[in-house]
Amino acid sequence: MSQTDKLAAYLGLCRKAGKLTLGVNAVQALRGGVYLLVADQNVAPNSRREIEKLQKKFGCPLIYISDLGEKAGAPMRMLAAVREEHLAQAITATCKE
């Protein structure tokens, strides 16, 4: 299984479990419990700054991947917050491969 397939599978599991928040505005509304932020590598510069502020707010890792919306099953989304610790660790490990 390729890295892209693994990422899509993990993001799909998060979404089915109700532990994936998609979109910058939705993530901003969260109070905590975020273990990982996943952003699309093609995000606009202003959005990138906002995402980096969110990373500081939640104190969690931030990774950039290509085609986030397609992998998460929500086209045009530029940010996803993973709210499940073990899946966040699995996604991070997959990106380091």
PDB file of N, CA and C in Angstrom:
ATOM      1  N   MET A   1       0.849  -1.179   0.000  1.00  0.00           N
ATOM      2  CA  MET A   1       0.000   0.000   0.000  1.00  0.00           C
ATOM      3  C   MET A   1       0.893   1.240   0.000  1.00  0.00           C
ATOM      4  N   SER A   2       0.592   2.174  -0.883  1.00  0.00           N
ATOM      5  CA  SER A   2       1.413   3.376  -0.993  1.00  0.00           C
ATOM      6  C   SER A   2       1.107   4.355   0.146  1.00  0.00           C
ATOM      7  N   GLN A   3       1.994   5.326   0.305  1.00  0.00           N
ATOM      8  CA  GLN A   3       1.822   6.334   1.345  1.00  0.00           C
ATOM      9  C   GLN A   3       0.510   7.098   1.131  1.00  0.00           C
ATOM     10  N   THR A   4       0.197   7.427  -0.109  1.00  0.00           N
ATOM     11  CA  THR A   4      -1.033   8.155  -0.435  1.00  0.00           C
ATOM     12  C   THR A   4      -2.263   7.348  -0.035  1.00  0.00           C
ATOM     13  N   ASP A   5      -2.240   6.052  -0.329  1.00  0.00           N
ATOM     14  CA  ASP A   5      -3.368   5.187   0.028  1.00  0.00           C
ATOM     15  C   ASP A   5      -3.531   5.086   1.540  1.00  0.00           C
ATOM     16  N   LYS A   6      -2.407   4.989   2.250  1.00  0.00           N
ATOM     17  CA  LYS A   6      -2.464   4.906   3.708  1.00  0.00           C
ATOM     18  C   LYS A   6      -3.053   6.177   4.306  1.00  0.00           C
ATOM     19  N   LEU A   7      -2.598   7.337   3.806  1.00  0.00           N
ATOM     20  CA  LEU A   7      -3.129   8.605   4.308  1.00  0.00           C
ATOM     21  C   LEU A   7      -4.634   8.700   4.076  1.00  0.00           C
ATOM     22  N   ALA A   8      -5.069   8.345   2.883  1.00  0.00           N
ATOM     23  CA  ALA A   8      -6.496   8.386   2.568  1.00  0.00           C
ATOM     24  C   ALA A   8      -7.275   7.438   3.483  1.00  0.00           C
ATOM     25  N   ALA A   9      -6.719   6.255   3.736  1.00  0.00           N
ATOM     26  CA  ALA A   9      -7.390   5.287   4.606  1.00  0.00           C
ATOM     27  C   ALA A   9      -7.495   5.804   6.040  1.00  0.00           C
ATOM     28  N   TYR A  10      -6.411   6.357   6.567  1.00  0.00           N
ATOM     29  CA  TYR A  10      -6.437   6.887   7.937  1.00  0.00           C
ATOM     30  C   TYR A  10      -7.389   8.066   8.065  1.00  0.00           C
ATOM     31  N   LEU A  11      -7.366   8.962   7.087  1.00  0.00           N
ATOM     32  CA  LEU A  11      -8.282  10.102   7.127  1.00  0.00           C
ATOM     33  C   LEU A  11      -9.735   9.632   7.019  1.00  0.00           C
ATOM     34  N   GLY A  12      -9.965   8.615   6.205  1.00  0.00           N
ATOM     35  CA  GLY A  12     -11.308   8.038   6.091  1.00  0.00           C
ATOM     36  C   GLY A  12     -11.776   7.420   7.400  1.00  0.00           C
ATOM     37  N   LEU A  13     -10.869   6.724   8.084  1.00  0.00           N
ATOM     38  CA  LEU A  13     -11.211   6.153   9.395  1.00  0.00           C
ATOM     39  C   LEU A  13     -11.568   7.250  10.398  1.00  0.00           C
ATOM     40  N   CYS A  14     -10.779   8.317  10.395  1.00  0.00           N
ATOM     41  CA  CYS A  14     -11.061   9.451  11.291  1.00  0.00           C
ATOM     42  C   CYS A  14     -12.435  10.024  11.005  1.00  0.00           C
ATOM     43  N   ARG A  15     -12.729  10.181   9.733  1.00  0.00           N
ATOM     44  CA  ARG A  15     -14.010  10.787   9.348  1.00  0.00           C
ATOM     45  C   ARG A  15     -15.177   9.892   9.758  1.00  0.00           C
ATOM     46  N   LYS A  16     -15.056   8.598   9.516  1.00  0.00           N
ATOM     47  CA  LYS A  16     -16.130   7.664   9.888  1.00  0.00           C
ATOM     48  C   LYS A  16     -16.339   7.617  11.399  1.00  0.00           C
ATOM     49  N   ALA A  17     -15.247   7.785  12.138  1.00  0.00           N
ATOM     50  CA  ALA A  17     -15.336   7.762  13.604  1.00  0.00           C
ATOM     51  C   ALA A  17     -15.826   9.091  14.176  1.00  0.00           C
ATOM     52  N   GLY A  18     -15.991  10.090  13.316  1.00  0.00           N
ATOM     53  CA  GLY A  18     -16.422  11.400  13.778  1.00  0.00           C
ATOM     54  C   GLY A  18     -15.320  12.169  14.483  1.00  0.00           C
ATOM     55  N   LYS A  19     -14.067  11.844  14.169  1.00  0.00           N
ATOM     56  CA  LYS A  19     -12.923  12.464  14.823  1.00  0.00           C
ATOM     57  C   LYS A  19     -12.099  13.319  13.871  1.00  0.00           C
ATOM     58  N   LEU A  20     -12.716  13.776  12.776  1.00  0.00           N
ATOM     59  CA  LEU A  20     -12.028  14.612  11.797  1.00  0.00           C
ATOM     60  C   LEU A  20     -12.863  15.870  11.573  1.00  0.00           C
ATOM     61  N   THR A  21     -12.264  17.013  11.807  1.00  0.00           N
ATOM     62  CA  THR A  21     -12.932  18.288  11.566  1.00  0.00           C
ATOM     63  C   THR A  21     -12.295  18.900  10.325  1.00  0.00           C
ATOM     64  N   LEU A  22     -13.122  19.256   9.350  1.00  0.00           N
ATOM     65  CA  LEU A  22     -12.637  19.760   8.068  1.00  0.00           C
ATOM     66  C   LEU A  22     -12.973  21.229   7.884  1.00  0.00           C
ATOM     67  N   GLY A  23     -12.004  21.990   7.405  1.00  0.00           N
ATOM     68  CA  GLY A  23     -12.203  23.399   7.101  1.00  0.00           C
ATOM     69  C   GLY A  23     -11.613  24.298   8.177  1.00  0.00           C
ATOM     70  N   VAL A  24     -11.031  25.405   7.749  1.00  0.00           N
ATOM     71  CA  VAL A  24     -10.366  26.333   8.665  1.00  0.00           C
ATOM     72  C   VAL A  24     -11.352  26.878   9.693  1.00  0.00           C
ATOM     73  N   ASN A  25     -12.528  27.312   9.251  1.00  0.00           N
ATOM     74  CA  ASN A  25     -13.499  27.889  10.178  1.00  0.00           C
ATOM     75  C   ASN A  25     -13.970  26.877  11.211  1.00  0.00           C
ATOM     76  N   ALA A  26     -14.212  25.648  10.794  1.00  0.00           N
ATOM     77  CA  ALA A  26     -14.661  24.613  11.726  1.00  0.00           C
ATOM     78  C   ALA A  26     -13.571  24.297  12.745  1.00  0.00           C
ATOM     79  N   VAL A  27     -12.323  24.270  12.306  1.00  0.00           N
ATOM     80  CA  VAL A  27     -11.212  23.985  13.218  1.00  0.00           C
ATOM     81  C   VAL A  27     -11.038  25.143  14.199  1.00  0.00           C
ATOM     82  N   GLN A  28     -11.217  26.376  13.737  1.00  0.00           N
ATOM     83  CA  GLN A  28     -11.103  27.526  14.639  1.00  0.00           C
ATOM     84  C   GLN A  28     -12.122  27.456  15.763  1.00  0.00           C
ATOM     85  N   ALA A  29     -13.271  26.872  15.515  1.00  0.00           N
ATOM     86  CA  ALA A  29     -14.339  26.785  16.516  1.00  0.00           C
ATOM     87  C   ALA A  29     -14.062  25.730  17.585  1.00  0.00           C
ATOM     88  N   LEU A  30     -13.111  24.842  17.334  1.00  0.00           N
ATOM     89  CA  LEU A  30     -12.798  23.803  18.315  1.00  0.00           C
ATOM     90  C   LEU A  30     -12.129  24.406  19.551  1.00  0.00           C
ATOM     91  N   ARG A  31     -12.395  23.805  20.700  1.00  0.00           N
ATOM     92  CA  ARG A  31     -11.817  24.289  21.958  1.00  0.00           C
ATOM     93  C   ARG A  31     -10.525  23.554  22.326  1.00  0.00           C
ATOM     94  N   GLY A  32     -10.378  22.357  21.860  1.00  0.00           N
ATOM     95  CA  GLY A  32      -9.192  21.570  22.198  1.00  0.00           C
ATOM     96  C   GLY A  32      -9.368  20.147  21.696  1.00  0.00           C
ATOM     97  N   GLY A  33      -8.530  19.258  22.187  1.00  0.00           N
ATOM     98  CA  GLY A  33      -8.621  17.862  21.790  1.00  0.00           C
ATOM     99  C   GLY A  33      -8.140  17.587  20.383  1.00  0.00           C
ATOM    100  N   VAL A  34      -7.285  18.450  19.868  1.00  0.00           N
ATOM    101  CA  VAL A  34      -6.738  18.260  18.521  1.00  0.00           C
ATOM    102  C   VAL A  34      -5.330  17.700  18.661  1.00  0.00           C
ATOM    103  N   TYR A  35      -5.091  16.554  18.029  1.00  0.00           N
ATOM    104  CA  TYR A  35      -3.798  15.890  18.127  1.00  0.00           C
ATOM    105  C   TYR A  35      -2.914  16.119  16.911  1.00  0.00           C
ATOM    106  N   LEU A  36      -3.530  16.547  15.790  1.00  0.00           N
ATOM    107  CA  LEU A  36      -2.771  16.751  14.558  1.00  0.00           C
ATOM    108  C   LEU A  36      -3.558  17.649  13.620  1.00  0.00           C
ATOM    109  N   LEU A  37      -2.861  18.580  12.993  1.00  0.00           N
ATOM    110  CA  LEU A  37      -3.449  19.381  11.921  1.00  0.00           C
ATOM    111  C   LEU A  37      -2.828  18.926  10.609  1.00  0.00           C
ATOM    112  N   VAL A  38      -3.669  18.684   9.623  1.00  0.00           N
ATOM    113  CA  VAL A  38      -3.218  18.281   8.298  1.00  0.00           C
ATOM    114  C   VAL A  38      -3.714  19.342   7.319  1.00  0.00           C
ATOM    115  N   ALA A  39      -2.777  19.970   6.614  1.00  0.00           N
ATOM    116  CA  ALA A  39      -3.129  21.039   5.681  1.00  0.00           C
ATOM    117  C   ALA A  39      -2.715  20.656   4.265  1.00  0.00           C
ATOM    118  N   ASP A  40      -3.441  21.205   3.303  1.00  0.00           N
ATOM    119  CA  ASP A  40      -3.093  21.007   1.901  1.00  0.00           C
ATOM    120  C   ASP A  40      -1.857  21.845   1.587  1.00  0.00           C
ATOM    121  N   GLN A  41      -0.914  21.274   0.868  1.00  0.00           N
ATOM    122  CA  GLN A  41       0.333  21.989   0.572  1.00  0.00           C
ATOM    123  C   GLN A  41       0.108  23.194  -0.353  1.00  0.00           C
ATOM    124  N   ASN A  42      -1.034  23.275  -1.016  1.00  0.00           N
ATOM    125  CA  ASN A  42      -1.324  24.382  -1.923  1.00  0.00           C
ATOM    126  C   ASN A  42      -2.174  25.470  -1.281  1.00  0.00           C
ATOM    127  N   VAL A  43      -2.208  25.512   0.035  1.00  0.00           N
ATOM    128  CA  VAL A  43      -3.012  26.500   0.742  1.00  0.00           C
ATOM    129  C   VAL A  43      -2.452  27.904   0.486  1.00  0.00           C
ATOM    130  N   ALA A  44      -3.339  28.888   0.433  1.00  0.00           N
ATOM    131  CA  ALA A  44      -2.942  30.281   0.175  1.00  0.00           C
ATOM    132  C   ALA A  44      -2.099  30.819   1.333  1.00  0.00           C
ATOM    133  N   PRO A  45      -1.225  31.791   1.063  1.00  0.00           N
ATOM    134  CA  PRO A  45      -0.349  32.331   2.121  1.00  0.00           C
ATOM    135  C   PRO A  45      -1.102  32.853   3.350  1.00  0.00           C
ATOM    136  N   ASN A  46      -2.217  33.556   3.152  1.00  0.00           N
ATOM    137  CA  ASN A  46      -2.975  34.057   4.302  1.00  0.00           C
ATOM    138  C   ASN A  46      -3.546  32.910   5.131  1.00  0.00           C
ATOM    139  N   SER A  47      -4.042  31.891   4.459  1.00  0.00           N
ATOM    140  CA  SER A  47      -4.571  30.731   5.164  1.00  0.00           C
ATOM    141  C   SER A  47      -3.455  29.982   5.878  1.00  0.00           C
ATOM    142  N   ARG A  48      -2.278  29.934   5.267  1.00  0.00           N
ATOM    143  CA  ARG A  48      -1.135  29.265   5.889  1.00  0.00           C
ATOM    144  C   ARG A  48      -0.800  29.938   7.228  1.00  0.00           C
ATOM    145  N   ARG A  49      -0.837  31.262   7.255  1.00  0.00           N
ATOM    146  CA  ARG A  49      -0.569  31.983   8.511  1.00  0.00           C
ATOM    147  C   ARG A  49      -1.636  31.654   9.560  1.00  0.00           C
ATOM    148  N   GLU A  50      -2.878  31.587   9.135  1.00  0.00           N
ATOM    149  CA  GLU A  50      -3.972  31.259  10.059  1.00  0.00           C
ATOM    150  C   GLU A  50      -3.821  29.834  10.600  1.00  0.00           C
ATOM    151  N   ILE A  51      -3.421  28.925   9.730  1.00  0.00           N
ATOM    152  CA  ILE A  51      -3.213  27.538  10.135  1.00  0.00           C
ATOM    153  C   ILE A  51      -2.068  27.442  11.141  1.00  0.00           C
ATOM    154  N   GLU A  52      -1.014  28.201  10.921  1.00  0.00           N
ATOM    155  CA  GLU A  52       0.110  28.184  11.863  1.00  0.00           C
ATOM    156  C   GLU A  52      -0.300  28.754  13.224  1.00  0.00           C
ATOM    157  N   LYS A  53      -1.217  29.722  13.241  1.00  0.00           N
ATOM    158  CA  LYS A  53      -1.756  30.225  14.508  1.00  0.00           C
ATOM    159  C   LYS A  53      -2.548  29.126  15.228  1.00  0.00           C
ATOM    160  N   LEU A  54      -3.302  28.355  14.452  1.00  0.00           N
ATOM    161  CA  LEU A  54      -4.074  27.260  15.039  1.00  0.00           C
ATOM    162  C   LEU A  54      -3.154  26.189  15.610  1.00  0.00           C
ATOM    163  N   GLN A  55      -2.033  25.953  14.939  1.00  0.00           N
ATOM    164  CA  GLN A  55      -1.069  24.984  15.454  1.00  0.00           C
ATOM    165  C   GLN A  55      -0.576  25.415  16.835  1.00  0.00           C
ATOM    166  N   LYS A  56      -0.282  26.692  16.991  1.00  0.00           N
ATOM    167  CA  LYS A  56       0.166  27.201  18.290  1.00  0.00           C
ATOM    168  C   LYS A  56      -0.950  27.105  19.322  1.00  0.00           C
ATOM    169  N   LYS A  57      -2.175  27.399  18.915  1.00  0.00           N
ATOM    170  CA  LYS A  57      -3.324  27.332  19.823  1.00  0.00           C
ATOM    171  C   LYS A  57      -3.497  25.930  20.389  1.00  0.00           C
ATOM    172  N   PHE A  58      -3.407  24.921  19.530  1.00  0.00           N
ATOM    173  CA  PHE A  58      -3.633  23.541  19.961  1.00  0.00           C
ATOM    174  C   PHE A  58      -2.364  22.846  20.445  1.00  0.00           C
ATOM    175  N   GLY A  59      -1.196  23.385  20.114  1.00  0.00           N
ATOM    176  CA  GLY A  59       0.065  22.771  20.524  1.00  0.00           C
ATOM    177  C   GLY A  59       0.253  21.372  19.967  1.00  0.00           C
ATOM    178  N   CYS A  60      -0.092  21.204  18.708  1.00  0.00           N
ATOM    179  CA  CYS A  60       0.003  19.890  18.074  1.00  0.00           C
ATOM    180  C   CYS A  60       0.851  19.978  16.805  1.00  0.00           C
ATOM    181  N   PRO A  61       1.265  18.835  16.271  1.00  0.00           N
ATOM    182  CA  PRO A  61       2.029  18.849  15.015  1.00  0.00           C
ATOM    183  C   PRO A  61       1.168  19.330  13.845  1.00  0.00           C
ATOM    184  N   LEU A  62       1.847  19.834  12.825  1.00  0.00           N
ATOM    185  CA  LEU A  62       1.206  20.277  11.589  1.00  0.00           C
ATOM    186  C   LEU A  62       1.959  19.653  10.427  1.00  0.00           C
ATOM    187  N   ILE A  63       1.224  18.982   9.555  1.00  0.00           N
ATOM    188  CA  ILE A  63       1.848  18.411   8.367  1.00  0.00           C
ATOM    189  C   ILE A  63       1.115  18.918   7.133  1.00  0.00           C
ATOM    190  N   TYR A  64       1.856  19.041   6.054  1.00  0.00           N
ATOM    191  CA  TYR A  64       1.295  19.455   4.769  1.00  0.00           C
ATOM    192  C   TYR A  64       1.342  18.273   3.819  1.00  0.00           C
ATOM    193  N   ILE A  65       0.219  18.014   3.149  1.00  0.00           N
ATOM    194  CA  ILE A  65       0.145  16.941   2.165  1.00  0.00           C
ATOM    195  C   ILE A  65      -0.509  17.472   0.900  1.00  0.00           C
ATOM    196  N   SER A  66      -0.375  16.733  -0.190  1.00  0.00           N
ATOM    197  CA  SER A  66      -1.020  17.132  -1.438  1.00  0.00           C
ATOM    198  C   SER A  66      -2.436  16.557  -1.495  1.00  0.00           C
ATOM    199  N   ASP A  67      -3.338  17.287  -2.096  1.00  0.00           N
ATOM    200  CA  ASP A  67      -4.718  16.834  -2.331  1.00  0.00           C
ATOM    201  C   ASP A  67      -5.444  16.392  -1.060  1.00  0.00           C
ATOM    202  N   LEU A  68      -5.373  17.203  -0.025  1.00  0.00           N
ATOM    203  CA  LEU A  68      -6.028  16.858   1.239  1.00  0.00           C
ATOM    204  C   LEU A  68      -7.516  16.604   1.059  1.00  0.00           C
ATOM    205  N   GLY A  69      -8.194  17.486   0.340  1.00  0.00           N
ATOM    206  CA  GLY A  69      -9.639  17.349   0.169  1.00  0.00           C
ATOM    207  C   GLY A  69     -10.049  16.022  -0.430  1.00  0.00           C
ATOM    208  N   GLU A  70      -9.326  15.586  -1.433  1.00  0.00           N
ATOM    209  CA  GLU A  70      -9.631  14.303  -2.065  1.00  0.00           C
ATOM    210  C   GLU A  70      -9.365  13.140  -1.119  1.00  0.00           C
ATOM    211  N   LYS A  71      -8.266  13.206  -0.399  1.00  0.00           N
ATOM    212  CA  LYS A  71      -7.922  12.120   0.520  1.00  0.00           C
ATOM    213  C   LYS A  71      -8.890  12.035   1.695  1.00  0.00           C
ATOM    214  N   ALA A  72      -9.420  13.183   2.117  1.00  0.00           N
ATOM    215  CA  ALA A  72     -10.339  13.212   3.254  1.00  0.00           C
ATOM    216  C   ALA A  72     -11.794  13.025   2.816  1.00  0.00           C
ATOM    217  N   GLY A  73     -12.037  12.986   1.515  1.00  0.00           N
ATOM    218  CA  GLY A  73     -13.394  12.800   1.023  1.00  0.00           C
ATOM    219  C   GLY A  73     -14.224  14.068   1.065  1.00  0.00           C
ATOM    220  N   ALA A  74     -13.570  15.221   1.093  1.00  0.00           N
ATOM    221  CA  ALA A  74     -14.265  16.509   1.120  1.00  0.00           C
ATOM    222  C   ALA A  74     -13.512  17.488   0.222  1.00  0.00           C
ATOM    223  N   PRO A  75     -13.812  17.487  -1.066  1.00  0.00           N
ATOM    224  CA  PRO A  75     -13.091  18.357  -1.999  1.00  0.00           C
ATOM    225  C   PRO A  75     -13.093  19.824  -1.568  1.00  0.00           C
ATOM    226  N   MET A  76     -12.018  20.500  -1.882  1.00  0.00           N
ATOM    227  CA  MET A  76     -11.834  21.929  -1.624  1.00  0.00           C
ATOM    228  C   MET A  76     -11.560  22.271  -0.158  1.00  0.00           C
ATOM    229  N   ARG A  77     -11.375  21.300   0.697  1.00  0.00           N
ATOM    230  CA  ARG A  77     -11.017  21.589   2.079  1.00  0.00           C
ATOM    231  C   ARG A  77      -9.503  21.694   2.161  1.00  0.00           C
ATOM    232  N   MET A  78      -9.027  22.699   2.884  1.00  0.00           N
ATOM    233  CA  MET A  78      -7.596  22.955   2.979  1.00  0.00           C
ATOM    234  C   MET A  78      -7.007  22.612   4.345  1.00  0.00           C
ATOM    235  N   LEU A  79      -7.858  22.249   5.311  1.00  0.00           N
ATOM    236  CA  LEU A  79      -7.358  21.933   6.645  1.00  0.00           C
ATOM    237  C   LEU A  79      -8.227  20.861   7.285  1.00  0.00           C
ATOM    238  N   ALA A  80      -7.567  19.947   7.968  1.00  0.00           N
ATOM    239  CA  ALA A  80      -8.266  18.918   8.732  1.00  0.00           C
ATOM    240  C   ALA A  80      -7.626  18.826  10.113  1.00  0.00           C
ATOM    241  N   ALA A  81      -8.466  18.681  11.128  1.00  0.00           N
ATOM    242  CA  ALA A  81      -7.992  18.486  12.496  1.00  0.00           C
ATOM    243  C   ALA A  81      -8.327  17.059  12.903  1.00  0.00           C
ATOM    244  N   VAL A  82      -7.309  16.308  13.282  1.00  0.00           N
ATOM    245  CA  VAL A  82      -7.498  14.926  13.732  1.00  0.00           C
ATOM    246  C   VAL A  82      -7.656  14.965  15.246  1.00  0.00           C
ATOM    247  N   ARG A  83      -8.815  14.460  15.726  1.00  0.00           N
ATOM    248  CA  ARG A  83      -9.116  14.518  17.144  1.00  0.00           C
ATOM    249  C   ARG A  83      -9.049  13.140  17.799  1.00  0.00           C
ATOM    250  N   GLU A  84      -8.278  12.236  17.235  1.00  0.00           N
ATOM    251  CA  GLU A  84      -8.076  10.898  17.803  1.00  0.00           C
ATOM    252  C   GLU A  84      -6.570  10.652  17.853  1.00  0.00           C
ATOM    253  N   GLU A  85      -6.067  10.424  19.046  1.00  0.00           N
ATOM    254  CA  GLU A  85      -4.623  10.381  19.260  1.00  0.00           C
ATOM    255  C   GLU A  85      -3.907   9.297  18.464  1.00  0.00           C
ATOM    256  N   HIS A  86      -4.439   8.080  18.448  1.00  0.00           N
ATOM    257  CA  HIS A  86      -3.741   6.977  17.782  1.00  0.00           C
ATOM    258  C   HIS A  86      -3.737   7.135  16.262  1.00  0.00           C
ATOM    259  N   LEU A  87      -4.829   7.623  15.716  1.00  0.00           N
ATOM    260  CA  LEU A  87      -4.848   7.864  14.273  1.00  0.00           C
ATOM    261  C   LEU A  87      -3.927   9.024  13.911  1.00  0.00           C
ATOM    262  N   ALA A  88      -3.830  10.019  14.767  1.00  0.00           N
ATOM    263  CA  ALA A  88      -2.901  11.129  14.528  1.00  0.00           C
ATOM    264  C   ALA A  88      -1.463  10.605  14.495  1.00  0.00           C
ATOM    265  N   GLN A  89      -1.135   9.695  15.414  1.00  0.00           N
ATOM    266  CA  GLN A  89       0.208   9.108  15.427  1.00  0.00           C
ATOM    267  C   GLN A  89       0.456   8.284  14.172  1.00  0.00           C
ATOM    268  N   ALA A  90      -0.548   7.540  13.714  1.00  0.00           N
ATOM    269  CA  ALA A  90      -0.400   6.724  12.514  1.00  0.00           C
ATOM    270  C   ALA A  90      -0.198   7.595  11.279  1.00  0.00           C
ATOM    271  N   ILE A  91      -0.936   8.694  11.186  1.00  0.00           N
ATOM    272  CA  ILE A  91      -0.797   9.614  10.050  1.00  0.00           C
ATOM    273  C   ILE A  91       0.591  10.239  10.052  1.00  0.00           C
ATOM    274  N   THR A  92       1.047  10.664  11.218  1.00  0.00           N
ATOM    275  CA  THR A  92       2.372  11.259  11.333  1.00  0.00           C
ATOM    276  C   THR A  92       3.458  10.264  10.932  1.00  0.00           C
ATOM    277  N   ALA A  93       3.332   9.029  11.392  1.00  0.00           N
ATOM    278  CA  ALA A  93       4.322   7.994  11.055  1.00  0.00           C
ATOM    279  C   ALA A  93       4.310   7.713   9.556  1.00  0.00           C
ATOM    280  N   THR A  94       3.155   7.699   8.946  1.00  0.00           N
ATOM    281  CA  THR A  94       3.039   7.449   7.501  1.00  0.00           C
ATOM    282  C   THR A  94       3.725   8.563   6.711  1.00  0.00           C
ATOM    283  N   CYS A  95       3.570   9.808   7.165  1.00  0.00           N
ATOM    284  CA  CYS A  95       4.178  10.934   6.454  1.00  0.00           C
ATOM    285  C   CYS A  95       5.694  10.939   6.583  1.00  0.00           C
ATOM    286  N   LYS A  96       6.221  10.327   7.623  1.00  0.00           N
ATOM    287  CA  LYS A  96       7.667  10.282   7.827  1.00  0.00           C
ATOM    288  C   LYS A  96       8.333   9.177   6.998  1.00  0.00           C
ATOM    289  N   GLU A  97       7.528   8.260   6.462  1.00  0.00           N
ATOM    290  CA  GLU A  97       8.075   7.133   5.677  1.00  0.00           C
ATOM    291  C   GLU A  97       8.712   7.622   4.393  1.00  0.00           C
TER     292      GLU A  97
END
